[in-house]
Amino acid sequence: AAHVRLWRRATSFGGVESLIEHRASIEGEDSPCPEDLLRLSVGLEDPEDLYRDLLQALTGVI
C-alpha cells in the first residue's frame, strides 16, 4: 500500500476516489485480519491507470 501513487491510503468514507487500506496495521497486533490483506475501494479514476499503479507497486514488493 505504501508504493501506490493514484490510490489514497485511507478507510472508505463513501467518496469517489480510489482507496487502499491495510486493515491489519490499522487494527494493531490483535487484528483478526490477515497480514497480507489489502482492501481496495475503487473510485472513478481510469481503471487501466489504477491497474498499472497497483502492478508497479506490487512488482516492487514481490
C-alpha atoms as a PDB file:
ATOM      1  CA  ALA A   1       0.000   0.000   0.000  1.00  0.00           C
ATOM      2  CA  ALA A   2       2.932   2.309   0.587  1.00  0.00           C
ATOM      3  CA  HIS A   3       4.096   2.312  -3.041  1.00  0.00           C
ATOM      4  CA  VAL A   4       0.899   3.287  -4.857  1.00  0.00           C
ATOM      5  CA  ARG A   5       0.631   6.709  -6.472  1.00  0.00           C
ATOM      6  CA  LEU A   6      -3.010   7.049  -7.521  1.00  0.00           C
ATOM      7  CA  TRP A   7      -4.663   5.255  -4.620  1.00  0.00           C
ATOM      8  CA  ARG A   8      -5.147   7.126  -1.337  1.00  0.00           C
ATOM      9  CA  ARG A   9      -4.287   5.223   1.824  1.00  0.00           C
ATOM     10  CA  ALA A  10      -7.473   5.520   3.857  1.00  0.00           C
ATOM     11  CA  THR A  11     -10.644   3.822   5.035  1.00  0.00           C
ATOM     12  CA  SER A  12     -13.581   4.240   2.652  1.00  0.00           C
ATOM     13  CA  PHE A  13     -15.879   7.114   3.505  1.00  0.00           C
ATOM     14  CA  GLY A  14     -18.183   6.631   0.517  1.00  0.00           C
ATOM     15  CA  GLY A  15     -16.330   9.066  -1.750  1.00  0.00           C
ATOM     16  CA  VAL A  16     -15.488   8.778  -5.428  1.00  0.00           C
ATOM     17  CA  GLU A  17     -11.710   8.379  -5.152  1.00  0.00           C
ATOM     18  CA  SER A  18      -9.894   5.044  -5.090  1.00  0.00           C
ATOM     19  CA  LEU A  19      -8.648   3.984  -1.675  1.00  0.00           C
ATOM     20  CA  ILE A  20      -6.374   1.239  -0.395  1.00  0.00           C
ATOM     21  CA  GLU A  21      -6.315   0.042   3.191  1.00  0.00           C
ATOM     22  CA  HIS A  22      -4.080  -2.369   5.091  1.00  0.00           C
ATOM     23  CA  ARG A  23      -6.573  -3.264   7.805  1.00  0.00           C
ATOM     24  CA  ALA A  24      -4.158  -5.253   9.994  1.00  0.00           C
ATOM     25  CA  SER A  25      -1.903  -2.232  10.504  1.00  0.00           C
ATOM     26  CA  ILE A  26      -4.889  -0.052  11.400  1.00  0.00           C
ATOM     27  CA  GLU A  27      -6.304  -2.527  13.927  1.00  0.00           C
ATOM     28  CA  GLY A  28      -2.960  -3.369  15.534  1.00  0.00           C
ATOM     29  CA  GLU A  29      -1.342  -6.568  16.772  1.00  0.00           C
ATOM     30  CA  ASP A  30      -4.577  -8.257  17.848  1.00  0.00           C
ATOM     31  CA  SER A  31      -6.239  -7.809  14.462  1.00  0.00           C
ATOM     32  CA  PRO A  32      -8.010 -10.905  13.117  1.00  0.00           C
ATOM     33  CA  CYS A  33      -7.274  -9.675   9.567  1.00  0.00           C
ATOM     34  CA  PRO A  34      -4.543 -11.484   7.653  1.00  0.00           C
ATOM     35  CA  GLU A  35      -1.295  -9.527   7.401  1.00  0.00           C
ATOM     36  CA  ASP A  36      -1.313  -9.854   3.594  1.00  0.00           C
ATOM     37  CA  LEU A  37      -4.862  -8.500   3.102  1.00  0.00           C
ATOM     38  CA  LEU A  38      -5.370  -5.181   1.294  1.00  0.00           C
ATOM     39  CA  ARG A  39      -8.842  -3.676   0.990  1.00  0.00           C
ATOM     40  CA  LEU A  40      -9.494  -1.780  -2.233  1.00  0.00           C
ATOM     41  CA  SER A  41     -12.309   0.700  -2.787  1.00  0.00           C
ATOM     42  CA  VAL A  42     -12.381   1.555  -6.487  1.00  0.00           C
ATOM     43  CA  GLY A  43     -13.394   5.080  -7.421  1.00  0.00           C
ATOM     44  CA  LEU A  44     -13.970   6.917 -10.685  1.00  0.00           C
ATOM     45  CA  GLU A  45     -10.386   7.034 -11.952  1.00  0.00           C
ATOM     46  CA  ASP A  46      -9.470   5.294 -15.190  1.00  0.00           C
ATOM     47  CA  PRO A  47      -9.409   1.527 -14.470  1.00  0.00           C
ATOM     48  CA  GLU A  48      -6.291   0.997 -16.580  1.00  0.00           C
ATOM     49  CA  ASP A  49      -4.415   3.691 -14.626  1.00  0.00           C
ATOM     50  CA  LEU A  50      -5.441   2.088 -11.336  1.00  0.00           C
ATOM     51  CA  TYR A  51      -4.384  -1.348 -12.557  1.00  0.00           C
ATOM     52  CA  ARG A  52      -0.979  -0.092 -13.726  1.00  0.00           C
ATOM     53  CA  ASP A  53      -0.441   1.704 -10.428  1.00  0.00           C
ATOM     54  CA  LEU A  54      -1.200  -1.451  -8.427  1.00  0.00           C
ATOM     55  CA  LEU A  55       1.001  -3.517 -10.716  1.00  0.00           C
ATOM     56  CA  GLN A  56       4.008  -1.205 -10.321  1.00  0.00           C
ATOM     57  CA  ALA A  57       3.531  -1.116  -6.537  1.00  0.00           C
ATOM     58  CA  LEU A  58       3.250  -4.888  -6.198  1.00  0.00           C
ATOM     59  CA  THR A  59       6.140  -5.545  -8.569  1.00  0.00           C
ATOM     60  CA  GLY A  60       8.393  -3.593  -6.232  1.00  0.00           C
ATOM     61  CA  VAL A  61       7.313  -5.720  -3.262  1.00  0.00           C
ATOM     62  CA  ILE A  62       7.307  -9.231  -4.738  1.00  0.00           C
END
